Amino acid sequence: MMNISLDKAYNQCEEIIKENSKTFYKAFSMLPSKQRKAVWAVYAFCRQVDDIVDEGCNPEIELQQFESEFARFKNGELLNESAMWVALRNVFEQYEMNVQAFDDMITGQRMDLVKKEYDTLDEVKTYSYHVASTVGLMLLPILAPITHKELEEEAIALGIAMQLTNILRDVGEDLERGRIYLPKDLMNSYGYTRMLLENRWVTSEFIEMWEHLAKEAEMYYIKGLQSIHKYPVASRLPLTGAAHLYRAILDKIRKENYDVFTEKHFVTSQVKKKIMTSISTG
């Protein structure tokens, strides 16, 4: 078994977030060193589970193996061969972590293996809790060590907002993977058919349905940040920044005429800088 140093473990976790989520990396880089590194470790955990489901050769078995590893981790075993487990052990020693959130995240990723379509918006929100709100609950004890218990509702709301944003951005990409997260009841109520979706047509019905979900997401962003004053000062800007940078994806899609079928929309570095400057001076 290869032992890896704590510094090296955290550095590897940092590389994972740097490579996979420039938005989160930019926002949370402003945290003090201890918290920043803890965020990298939690992100590495989430990324690994996500990658198993999206890119694994045999995701069911690989997810089962990962869950077994996490069970060993929870029992206090030292899994020294993996940077993520080494860094995460250090995080669990320093913070009052929400173990249930980690378990729920794995449950959410398993949902992607068995459920490819959703009937109602409530089902989509339940899914969003499992794959995204759980991340907020994992990060809460790091971002707000004293007040984290009273901020759980807002963290859940922010997760739902971000996942709805993902869904609205990744319609085409998800379709390629045989997944449809746009709820059937919403599609039906706006008269946007499965055939139109599969032909990747951006019609007025599609735009109205998309905006319905976008407004839902924007409502959750507001709810998610309503208690920002309860966070320590050092966490307020990174968290507000992450929310605003993610929310800006919706405006970017609007500017690109709602084309979510042929390209994946990102907020440019210039716009990110502008957003972060306006938040820090505002």
Protein backbone atom coordinates (compact mmCIF):
# COMPACT_ATOMS: atom_id res chain seq x y z
CA MET A 1 0.00 0.00 0.00
CA MET A 2 1.38 3.39 -1.01
CA ASN A 3 1.23 6.12 1.61
CA ILE A 4 0.63 9.66 0.33
CA SER A 5 1.48 12.81 2.29
CA LEU A 6 -1.33 15.14 3.36
CA ASP A 7 0.05 18.07 1.35
CA LYS A 8 0.31 15.95 -1.78
CA ALA A 9 -3.22 14.62 -1.21
CA TYR A 10 -4.66 18.14 -0.99
CA ASN A 11 -2.67 19.24 -4.04
CA GLN A 12 -4.12 16.39 -6.08
CA CYS A 13 -7.64 17.33 -4.94
CA GLU A 14 -6.96 20.92 -5.98
CA GLU A 15 -5.93 19.74 -9.46
CA ILE A 16 -9.23 17.87 -9.78
CA ILE A 17 -11.41 20.93 -9.07
CA LYS A 18 -9.12 23.19 -11.10
CA GLU A 19 -9.56 20.95 -14.12
CA ASN A 20 -13.26 20.17 -13.77
CA SER A 21 -14.96 23.26 -12.35
CA LYS A 22 -13.36 26.61 -13.05
CA THR A 23 -16.41 28.37 -11.59
CA PHE A 24 -16.17 26.71 -8.17
CA TYR A 25 -12.39 26.91 -8.22
CA LYS A 26 -12.46 30.65 -8.85
CA ALA A 27 -15.07 31.33 -6.17
CA PHE A 28 -13.68 29.13 -3.40
CA SER A 29 -10.04 30.07 -4.00
CA MET A 30 -10.84 33.16 -1.92
CA LEU A 31 -11.34 31.11 1.23
CA PRO A 32 -8.65 30.93 3.92
CA SER A 33 -6.20 28.08 3.26
CA LYS A 34 -7.66 25.54 5.73
CA GLN A 35 -11.21 25.85 4.41
CA ARG A 36 -10.09 26.09 0.82
CA LYS A 37 -8.25 22.77 0.99
CA ALA A 38 -11.22 21.14 2.72
CA VAL A 39 -13.49 22.26 -0.14
CA TRP A 40 -11.06 20.72 -2.65
CA ALA A 41 -11.27 17.36 -0.83
CA VAL A 42 -15.08 17.35 -0.76
CA TYR A 43 -15.17 18.28 -4.44
CA ALA A 44 -12.81 15.38 -5.24
CA PHE A 45 -15.23 12.98 -3.50
CA CYS A 46 -18.20 14.32 -5.50
CA ARG A 47 -16.24 14.25 -8.76
CA GLN A 48 -15.22 10.65 -8.28
CA VAL A 49 -18.79 9.49 -7.71
CA ASP A 50 -19.99 11.56 -10.67
CA ASP A 51 -17.30 10.18 -12.98
CA ILE A 52 -18.11 6.59 -12.04
CA VAL A 53 -21.71 7.08 -13.19
CA ASP A 54 -20.96 9.14 -16.31
CA GLU A 55 -17.77 7.50 -17.52
CA GLY A 56 -17.33 4.18 -15.71
CA CYS A 57 -16.98 0.95 -17.71
CA ASN A 58 -19.24 -0.89 -15.29
CA PRO A 59 -20.83 1.89 -13.20
CA GLU A 60 -23.10 -0.32 -11.05
CA ILE A 61 -20.18 -2.42 -9.80
CA GLU A 62 -17.80 0.56 -9.55
CA LEU A 63 -20.35 2.54 -7.52
CA GLN A 64 -20.84 -0.45 -5.22
CA GLN A 65 -17.06 -0.66 -4.72
CA PHE A 66 -16.90 3.08 -4.00
CA GLU A 67 -19.71 2.75 -1.45
CA SER A 68 -17.83 -0.10 0.23
CA GLU A 69 -14.71 2.08 0.40
CA PHE A 70 -16.74 4.88 1.97
CA ALA A 71 -18.17 2.42 4.50
CA ARG A 72 -14.59 1.49 5.46
CA PHE A 73 -13.72 5.20 5.64
CA LYS A 74 -16.69 5.84 7.97
CA ASN A 75 -15.49 2.97 10.17
CA GLY A 76 -12.20 4.81 10.62
CA GLU A 77 -10.04 2.73 8.27
CA LEU A 78 -7.11 4.58 6.73
CA LEU A 79 -7.28 4.33 2.93
CA ASN A 80 -3.76 5.66 2.35
CA GLU A 81 -3.51 4.76 -1.32
CA SER A 82 -5.94 7.47 -2.44
CA ALA A 83 -5.32 11.24 -2.28
CA MET A 84 -9.02 11.93 -1.91
CA TRP A 85 -9.51 9.62 1.10
CA VAL A 86 -6.35 10.92 2.82
CA ALA A 87 -7.44 14.55 2.41
CA LEU A 88 -11.04 13.76 3.36
CA ARG A 89 -9.93 11.98 6.56
CA ASN A 90 -8.18 15.20 7.58
CA VAL A 91 -11.35 17.19 6.80
CA PHE A 92 -13.51 14.84 8.91
CA GLU A 93 -11.04 15.25 11.79
CA GLN A 94 -11.26 19.05 11.64
CA TYR A 95 -14.96 19.65 11.00
CA GLU A 96 -18.32 18.33 12.17
CA MET A 97 -19.15 16.81 8.79
CA ASN A 98 -22.63 15.73 7.68
CA VAL A 99 -22.13 12.02 6.90
CA GLN A 100 -25.73 11.61 5.70
CA ALA A 101 -25.10 14.14 2.91
CA PHE A 102 -22.25 11.98 1.56
CA ASP A 103 -24.50 8.89 1.62
CA ASP A 104 -27.33 10.81 -0.06
CA MET A 105 -24.97 11.97 -2.82
CA ILE A 106 -24.11 8.34 -3.64
CA THR A 107 -27.85 7.55 -3.65
CA GLY A 108 -28.40 10.43 -6.10
CA GLN A 109 -25.73 9.17 -8.46
CA ARG A 110 -27.30 5.72 -8.34
CA MET A 111 -30.57 7.34 -9.47
CA ASP A 112 -28.82 8.22 -12.73
CA LEU A 113 -28.17 4.53 -13.36
CA VAL A 114 -31.81 3.51 -13.04
CA LYS A 115 -33.87 6.59 -13.91
CA LYS A 116 -33.48 8.34 -17.26
CA GLU A 117 -36.65 10.48 -17.36
CA TYR A 118 -38.77 12.42 -14.86
CA ASP A 119 -42.55 12.86 -14.74
CA THR A 120 -42.85 15.88 -12.46
CA LEU A 121 -40.92 18.94 -11.34
CA ASP A 122 -41.07 17.63 -7.75
CA GLU A 123 -39.23 14.48 -8.87
CA VAL A 124 -36.59 16.65 -10.53
CA LYS A 125 -36.19 18.63 -7.30
CA THR A 126 -35.80 15.40 -5.28
CA TYR A 127 -33.10 14.30 -7.72
CA SER A 128 -31.50 17.76 -7.48
CA TYR A 129 -31.37 17.47 -3.70
CA HIS A 130 -29.51 14.18 -3.95
CA VAL A 131 -26.90 15.20 -6.52
CA ALA A 132 -26.44 18.90 -5.69
CA SER A 133 -27.97 20.03 -2.38
CA THR A 134 -25.94 17.28 -0.73
CA VAL A 135 -22.79 19.11 -1.87
CA GLY A 136 -23.99 22.23 -0.07
CA LEU A 137 -24.64 20.19 3.07
CA MET A 138 -21.16 18.67 2.83
CA LEU A 139 -19.56 22.10 2.53
CA LEU A 140 -21.65 23.81 5.23
CA PRO A 141 -19.58 22.74 8.27
CA ILE A 142 -16.47 23.98 6.43
CA LEU A 143 -17.98 27.31 5.38
CA ALA A 144 -19.91 27.95 8.62
CA PRO A 145 -18.42 25.80 11.42
CA ILE A 146 -20.57 27.39 14.15
CA THR A 147 -23.88 28.11 12.39
CA HIS A 148 -24.02 25.24 9.87
CA LYS A 149 -26.99 23.47 11.49
CA GLU A 150 -29.25 26.51 11.07
CA LEU A 151 -28.26 27.06 7.42
CA GLU A 152 -29.22 23.67 6.02
CA GLU A 153 -32.46 24.80 4.37
CA GLU A 154 -30.66 27.56 2.47
CA ALA A 155 -27.85 25.18 1.41
CA ILE A 156 -30.46 22.77 0.04
CA ALA A 157 -32.13 25.62 -1.89
CA LEU A 158 -28.83 26.71 -3.42
CA GLY A 159 -28.11 23.15 -4.51
CA ILE A 160 -31.49 22.88 -6.24
CA ALA A 161 -30.88 26.23 -7.97
CA MET A 162 -27.50 25.07 -9.29
CA GLN A 163 -28.77 21.68 -10.44
CA LEU A 164 -31.72 23.23 -12.27
CA THR A 165 -29.15 25.50 -13.95
CA ASN A 166 -27.14 22.41 -14.95
CA ILE A 167 -30.26 20.79 -16.37
CA LEU A 168 -31.15 23.91 -18.37
CA ARG A 169 -27.60 24.17 -19.72
CA ASP A 170 -27.09 20.48 -20.53
CA VAL A 171 -30.33 19.58 -22.33
CA GLY A 172 -28.49 18.51 -25.50
CA GLU A 173 -25.64 16.74 -23.70
CA ASP A 174 -28.07 14.81 -21.48
CA LEU A 175 -30.10 13.82 -24.54
CA GLU A 176 -26.93 12.30 -26.04
CA ARG A 177 -26.63 10.20 -22.87
CA GLY A 178 -30.25 9.10 -23.14
CA ARG A 179 -31.35 11.25 -20.19
CA ILE A 180 -34.18 13.77 -20.06
CA TYR A 181 -34.41 15.88 -16.91
CA LEU A 182 -37.04 18.26 -18.29
CA PRO A 183 -40.15 17.00 -16.46
CA LYS A 184 -42.93 15.52 -18.61
CA ASP A 185 -45.66 17.51 -16.84
CA LEU A 186 -43.91 20.79 -17.70
CA MET A 187 -43.30 19.72 -21.30
CA ASN A 188 -46.97 18.78 -21.63
CA SER A 189 -48.25 21.99 -20.08
CA TYR A 190 -46.25 24.07 -22.59
CA GLY A 191 -47.02 21.82 -25.54
CA TYR A 192 -43.39 20.87 -26.15
CA THR A 193 -43.38 17.28 -27.39
CA ARG A 194 -40.84 14.50 -27.09
CA MET A 195 -40.45 14.59 -30.87
CA LEU A 196 -39.54 18.29 -30.81
CA LEU A 197 -37.02 17.59 -28.07
CA GLU A 198 -35.40 14.70 -29.91
CA ASN A 199 -35.19 16.85 -33.06
CA ARG A 200 -33.54 19.54 -30.91
CA TRP A 201 -35.93 22.30 -31.90
CA VAL A 202 -35.85 25.58 -29.98
CA THR A 203 -39.45 26.71 -30.38
CA SER A 204 -41.44 29.38 -28.53
CA GLU A 205 -42.92 26.53 -26.43
CA PHE A 206 -39.42 25.36 -25.53
CA ILE A 207 -38.38 28.88 -24.52
CA GLU A 208 -41.47 29.33 -22.32
CA MET A 209 -40.86 25.96 -20.65
CA TRP A 210 -37.15 26.73 -20.23
CA GLU A 211 -37.97 30.10 -18.66
CA HIS A 212 -40.42 28.45 -16.26
CA LEU A 213 -37.59 26.28 -14.94
CA ALA A 214 -35.10 29.17 -15.02
CA LYS A 215 -37.41 31.34 -12.89
CA GLU A 216 -37.76 28.43 -10.48
CA ALA A 217 -33.95 28.23 -10.26
CA GLU A 218 -33.66 32.00 -9.73
CA MET A 219 -36.15 31.82 -6.87
CA TYR A 220 -33.99 29.15 -5.22
CA TYR A 221 -30.85 31.27 -5.69
CA ILE A 222 -32.55 34.08 -3.76
CA LYS A 223 -33.65 31.69 -1.01
CA GLY A 224 -30.18 30.11 -0.86
CA LEU A 225 -28.49 33.44 -0.15
CA GLN A 226 -31.10 34.98 2.16
CA SER A 227 -29.13 34.07 5.32
CA ILE A 228 -25.66 34.91 4.03
CA HIS A 229 -25.16 37.14 7.09
CA LYS A 230 -25.09 33.98 9.24
CA TYR A 231 -21.89 32.81 7.54
CA PRO A 232 -18.46 33.90 8.78
CA VAL A 233 -17.20 36.95 6.86
CA ALA A 234 -14.50 34.89 5.10
CA SER A 235 -17.12 32.55 3.58
CA ARG A 236 -19.63 35.16 2.40
CA LEU A 237 -17.86 36.36 -0.74
CA PRO A 238 -16.84 32.89 -2.01
CA LEU A 239 -20.34 31.49 -1.52
CA THR A 240 -22.12 34.53 -3.00
CA GLY A 241 -19.60 34.46 -5.84
CA ALA A 242 -20.24 30.78 -6.61
CA ALA A 243 -24.01 31.38 -6.68
CA HIS A 244 -23.78 34.46 -8.89
CA LEU A 245 -21.28 32.89 -11.29
CA TYR A 246 -23.55 29.87 -11.68
CA ARG A 247 -26.68 31.94 -12.03
CA ALA A 248 -24.97 33.93 -14.82
CA ILE A 249 -25.06 30.76 -16.97
CA LEU A 250 -28.82 31.33 -17.35
CA ASP A 251 -28.30 34.83 -18.76
CA LYS A 252 -25.57 33.53 -21.07
CA ILE A 253 -28.04 30.98 -22.51
CA ARG A 254 -30.67 33.70 -22.97
CA LYS A 255 -28.16 35.78 -24.91
CA GLU A 256 -27.38 32.77 -27.11
CA ASN A 257 -31.08 32.40 -28.06
CA TYR A 258 -31.62 29.37 -25.82
CA ASP A 259 -29.45 27.09 -27.95
CA VAL A 260 -28.75 24.34 -25.43
CA PHE A 261 -28.61 21.60 -28.05
CA THR A 262 -25.47 22.32 -30.04
CA GLU A 263 -23.12 23.83 -27.47
CA LYS A 264 -22.46 23.98 -23.75
CA HIS A 265 -22.55 27.54 -22.46
CA PHE A 266 -19.96 28.92 -20.06
CA VAL A 267 -19.52 32.30 -18.46
CA THR A 268 -16.34 33.88 -19.83
CA SER A 269 -13.38 34.71 -17.57
CA GLN A 270 -13.99 38.40 -18.26
CA VAL A 271 -17.63 38.19 -17.14
CA LYS A 272 -16.63 36.11 -14.09
CA LYS A 273 -14.13 38.78 -13.09
CA LYS A 274 -16.76 41.48 -13.52
CA ILE A 275 -19.27 39.55 -11.38
CA MET A 276 -16.75 38.91 -8.60
CA THR A 277 -15.65 42.56 -8.61
CA SER A 278 -19.24 43.82 -8.39
CA ILE A 279 -19.98 41.47 -5.47
CA SER A 280 -16.83 42.39 -3.55
CA THR A 281 -17.42 46.13 -3.98
CA GLY A 282 -21.20 45.97 -3.67
